[in-house]
Protein backbone atom coordinates (compact mmCIF):
# COMPACT_ATOMS: atom_id res chain seq x y z
CA UNK A 1 41.98 19.20 -17.04
CA UNK A 2 38.41 17.84 -17.31
CA UNK A 3 39.84 14.33 -17.82
CA UNK A 4 41.81 14.63 -14.57
CA UNK A 5 38.72 15.85 -12.73
CA UNK A 6 36.77 12.91 -14.14
CA UNK A 7 39.38 10.47 -12.86
CA UNK A 8 39.34 12.09 -9.42
CA UNK A 9 35.56 12.02 -9.27
CA UNK A 10 35.52 8.36 -10.26
CA UNK A 11 38.12 7.55 -7.59
CA UNK A 12 36.12 9.49 -4.99
CA UNK A 13 32.97 7.56 -5.89
CA UNK A 14 34.89 4.30 -5.75
CA UNK A 15 36.17 5.09 -2.23
CA UNK A 16 32.70 6.13 -1.10
CA UNK A 17 31.22 2.87 -2.34
CA UNK A 18 34.05 0.93 -0.69
CA UNK A 19 33.19 2.57 2.64
CA UNK A 20 29.52 1.66 2.22
CA UNK A 21 30.36 -1.93 1.28
CA UNK A 22 32.78 -2.30 4.18
CA UNK A 23 30.27 -0.92 6.67
CA UNK A 24 27.55 -3.22 5.35
CA UNK A 25 29.86 -6.20 5.78
CA UNK A 26 30.81 -5.19 9.31
CA UNK A 27 27.13 -4.68 10.18
CA UNK A 28 26.41 -8.34 9.52
CA UNK A 29 27.53 -8.96 13.10
CA UNK A 30 26.72 -5.74 14.96
CA UNK A 31 24.41 -2.75 15.08
CA UNK A 32 25.18 0.63 13.53
CA UNK A 33 25.34 2.29 16.96
CA UNK A 34 28.33 0.10 17.87
CA UNK A 35 30.18 0.56 14.57
CA UNK A 36 33.35 2.63 14.78
CA UNK A 37 34.64 5.00 12.11
CA UNK A 38 38.17 3.61 12.38
CA UNK A 39 36.80 0.10 12.01
CA UNK A 40 35.30 1.04 8.64
CA UNK A 41 38.31 2.94 7.32
CA UNK A 42 40.63 0.14 8.41
CA UNK A 43 38.57 -2.34 6.40
CA UNK A 44 38.88 -0.13 3.30
CA UNK A 45 42.53 0.73 3.86
CA UNK A 46 42.17 4.52 4.02
CA UNK A 47 43.02 7.05 6.71
CA UNK A 48 40.22 8.00 9.14
CA UNK A 49 40.36 11.60 7.85
CA UNK A 50 39.41 10.32 4.38
CA UNK A 51 36.05 9.21 5.78
CA UNK A 52 34.95 12.82 6.24
CA UNK A 53 35.34 13.56 2.55
CA UNK A 54 32.32 11.32 1.98
CA UNK A 55 30.25 11.25 5.18
CA UNK A 56 29.76 13.58 8.14
CA UNK A 57 29.44 10.70 10.59
CA UNK A 58 28.66 7.02 10.93
CA UNK A 59 24.99 8.01 11.20
CA UNK A 60 25.29 9.84 7.86
CA UNK A 61 26.79 6.69 6.33
CA UNK A 62 23.87 4.72 7.77
CA UNK A 63 21.38 7.04 6.07
CA UNK A 64 23.23 6.48 2.78
CA UNK A 65 22.92 2.72 3.33
CA UNK A 66 19.17 3.12 3.80
CA UNK A 67 18.95 4.91 0.45
CA UNK A 68 21.08 2.22 -1.17
CA UNK A 69 18.95 -0.56 0.34
CA UNK A 70 15.50 0.87 -0.36
CA UNK A 71 15.81 3.67 -2.91
CA UNK A 72 15.98 1.41 -5.96
CA UNK A 73 12.86 -0.49 -4.88
CA UNK A 74 10.39 2.32 -5.56
CA UNK A 75 9.87 1.67 -9.30
CA UNK A 76 9.66 -2.08 -8.65
CA UNK A 77 7.06 -1.60 -5.91
CA UNK A 78 4.95 0.58 -8.21
CA UNK A 79 5.16 -2.01 -10.98
CA UNK A 80 4.24 -4.80 -8.57
CA UNK A 81 1.05 -3.15 -7.38
CA UNK A 82 -0.17 -1.79 -10.70
CA UNK A 83 -3.58 -2.97 -11.85
CA UNK A 84 -3.81 -6.74 -12.30
CA UNK A 85 -6.50 -9.14 -13.49
CA UNK A 86 -6.95 -10.31 -9.90
CA UNK A 87 -5.72 -9.57 -6.40
CA UNK A 88 -4.05 -12.99 -6.41
CA UNK A 89 -1.90 -11.93 -9.38
CA UNK A 90 -0.85 -8.78 -7.54
CA UNK A 91 -0.05 -10.79 -4.39
CA UNK A 92 1.99 -13.32 -6.38
CA UNK A 93 4.02 -10.51 -7.97
CA UNK A 94 4.67 -8.93 -4.57
CA UNK A 95 5.91 -12.17 -3.02
CA UNK A 96 8.12 -12.89 -6.03
CA UNK A 97 9.64 -9.41 -5.74
CA UNK A 98 10.29 -9.84 -2.01
CA UNK A 99 11.89 -13.27 -2.36
CA UNK A 100 14.10 -12.11 -5.24
CA UNK A 101 15.25 -8.99 -3.40
CA UNK A 102 16.16 -10.97 -0.28
CA UNK A 103 18.12 -13.47 -2.38
CA UNK A 104 20.00 -10.70 -4.19
CA UNK A 105 20.62 -8.31 -1.27
CA UNK A 106 20.48 -10.21 2.03
CA UNK A 107 22.90 -7.87 3.82
CA UNK A 108 20.81 -4.83 2.91
CA UNK A 109 17.60 -6.51 4.07
CA UNK A 110 19.25 -7.56 7.33
CA UNK A 111 20.50 -4.01 7.89
CA UNK A 112 17.01 -2.54 7.42
CA UNK A 113 15.39 -5.17 9.63
CA UNK A 114 17.86 -4.46 12.46
CA UNK A 115 18.09 -0.67 12.19
CA UNK A 116 14.38 -0.01 11.71
CA UNK A 117 14.14 -0.07 15.49
CA UNK A 118 17.83 0.53 16.19
CA UNK A 119 19.61 3.13 18.26
CA UNK A 120 20.49 5.70 15.56
CA UNK A 121 17.62 8.16 15.25
CA UNK A 122 18.50 9.61 11.83
CA UNK A 123 18.65 6.11 10.36
CA UNK A 124 15.32 5.12 11.95
CA UNK A 125 13.81 8.28 10.48
CA UNK A 126 15.31 7.58 7.03
CA UNK A 127 13.82 4.07 7.04
CA UNK A 128 10.48 5.42 8.24
CA UNK A 129 10.48 8.03 5.46
CA UNK A 130 11.27 5.42 2.80
CA UNK A 131 8.48 3.14 4.06
CA UNK A 132 6.07 6.10 4.09
CA UNK A 133 6.96 6.75 0.45
CA UNK A 134 6.27 3.09 -0.37
CA UNK A 135 2.87 3.36 1.30
CA UNK A 136 2.04 6.54 -0.62
CA UNK A 137 3.04 4.90 -3.91
CA UNK A 138 1.03 1.77 -3.16
CA UNK A 139 -1.94 3.93 -2.16
CA UNK A 140 -1.74 5.84 -5.45
CA UNK A 141 -1.84 2.57 -7.41
CA UNK A 142 -4.67 1.11 -5.31
CA UNK A 143 -6.69 4.29 -5.92
CA UNK A 144 -6.79 3.39 -9.64
CA UNK A 145 -8.70 0.17 -8.92
CA UNK A 146 -12.43 0.06 -9.41
CA UNK A 147 -12.64 -1.38 -5.89
CA UNK A 148 -11.30 1.93 -4.55
CA UNK A 149 -14.46 3.84 -5.47
CA UNK A 150 -15.86 5.52 -2.37
CA UNK A 151 -12.63 5.12 -0.39
CA UNK A 152 -11.12 8.12 1.36
CA UNK A 153 -7.44 8.94 0.85
CA UNK A 154 -6.87 8.26 4.54
CA UNK A 155 -8.34 4.76 4.34
CA UNK A 156 -6.43 3.93 1.15
CA UNK A 157 -3.19 4.99 2.83
CA UNK A 158 -4.05 2.82 5.84
CA UNK A 159 -4.60 -0.14 3.51
CA UNK A 160 -1.30 0.59 1.74
CA UNK A 161 0.54 0.59 5.07
CA UNK A 162 -0.96 -2.84 5.84
CA UNK A 163 0.44 -4.21 2.59
CA UNK A 164 3.86 -2.59 3.12
CA UNK A 165 4.07 -3.91 6.69
CA UNK A 166 3.16 -7.38 5.48
CA UNK A 167 5.86 -7.20 2.80
CA UNK A 168 8.43 -6.29 5.47
CA UNK A 169 7.37 -9.23 7.63
CA UNK A 170 7.60 -11.55 4.63
CA UNK A 171 11.08 -10.23 3.76
CA UNK A 172 12.28 -10.97 7.31
CA UNK A 173 10.92 -14.52 7.09
CA UNK A 174 12.60 -15.13 3.72
CA UNK A 175 15.82 -13.77 5.23
CA UNK A 176 15.65 -16.28 8.08
CA UNK A 177 15.07 -19.07 5.54
CA UNK A 178 18.05 -18.23 3.29
CA UNK A 179 19.87 -21.35 4.43
CA UNK A 180 16.67 -23.38 4.64
CA UNK A 181 15.10 -25.79 2.18
CA UNK A 182 12.86 -25.09 -0.76
CA UNK A 183 10.01 -26.36 1.36
CA UNK A 184 10.74 -23.69 3.97
CA UNK A 185 10.56 -20.95 1.34
CA UNK A 186 7.38 -22.39 -0.16
CA UNK A 187 5.77 -22.46 3.26
CA UNK A 188 6.65 -18.79 3.82
CA UNK A 189 5.24 -17.88 0.41
CA UNK A 190 2.01 -19.77 1.14
CA UNK A 191 1.50 -18.12 4.53
CA UNK A 192 2.29 -14.67 3.11
CA UNK A 193 -0.20 -15.29 0.28
CA UNK A 194 -2.93 -16.19 2.75
CA UNK A 195 -2.20 -13.17 4.93
CA UNK A 196 -2.31 -10.77 1.98
CA UNK A 197 -5.52 -12.40 0.77
CA UNK A 198 -7.01 -11.75 4.19
CA UNK A 199 -6.15 -8.06 3.83
CA UNK A 200 -7.71 -8.08 0.34
CA UNK A 201 -10.92 -9.71 1.64
CA UNK A 202 -11.16 -7.10 4.37
CA UNK A 203 -10.74 -4.43 1.69
CA UNK A 204 -13.75 -5.77 -0.23
CA UNK A 205 -16.01 -5.33 2.81
CA UNK A 206 -14.51 -2.19 4.35
CA UNK A 207 -17.22 0.15 3.07
CA UNK A 208 -19.90 -2.18 4.44
């Protein structure tokens, strides 16, 4: 009996993932607000009623895509911003993480970039909540630095949001350069490095 339940659960998870993958593929050329339920189920080859065994709505599926796109990044973000010998080392790690993630998951990055300001409120809120978590995690790591002495929690969180926003901008630029040359990518990395250094320099003099 338990073996049968295990098979059913595995099949259910497989169908759920197929719906997510199909939606992500369809969203390469359109926004979530224009995506139809039947369009997704047709791509997977299941009946429209089967969709509701996994998601309440297309918006609910979109929230699941946000979790899939950003949820796994939290431990990597924390590792990237942990104490380093220099701010340049931390910046280099951040840019390497961003470039690698864009290369590995371009459809997810494109989805987040489009839907961050898209027409589905629950998805916008899910993205906002994930980015707020990133900022809180970055802030917690920055607070461990000697340079954070005398900083208020509010100011550290503001600084963390600056870094997270800059990482998002850099991800969008790497996404645009996916079909570009190595020189294009190097130029993006150089500009992003300079911009993050500017934030770091401002940090050094904030308490002045």
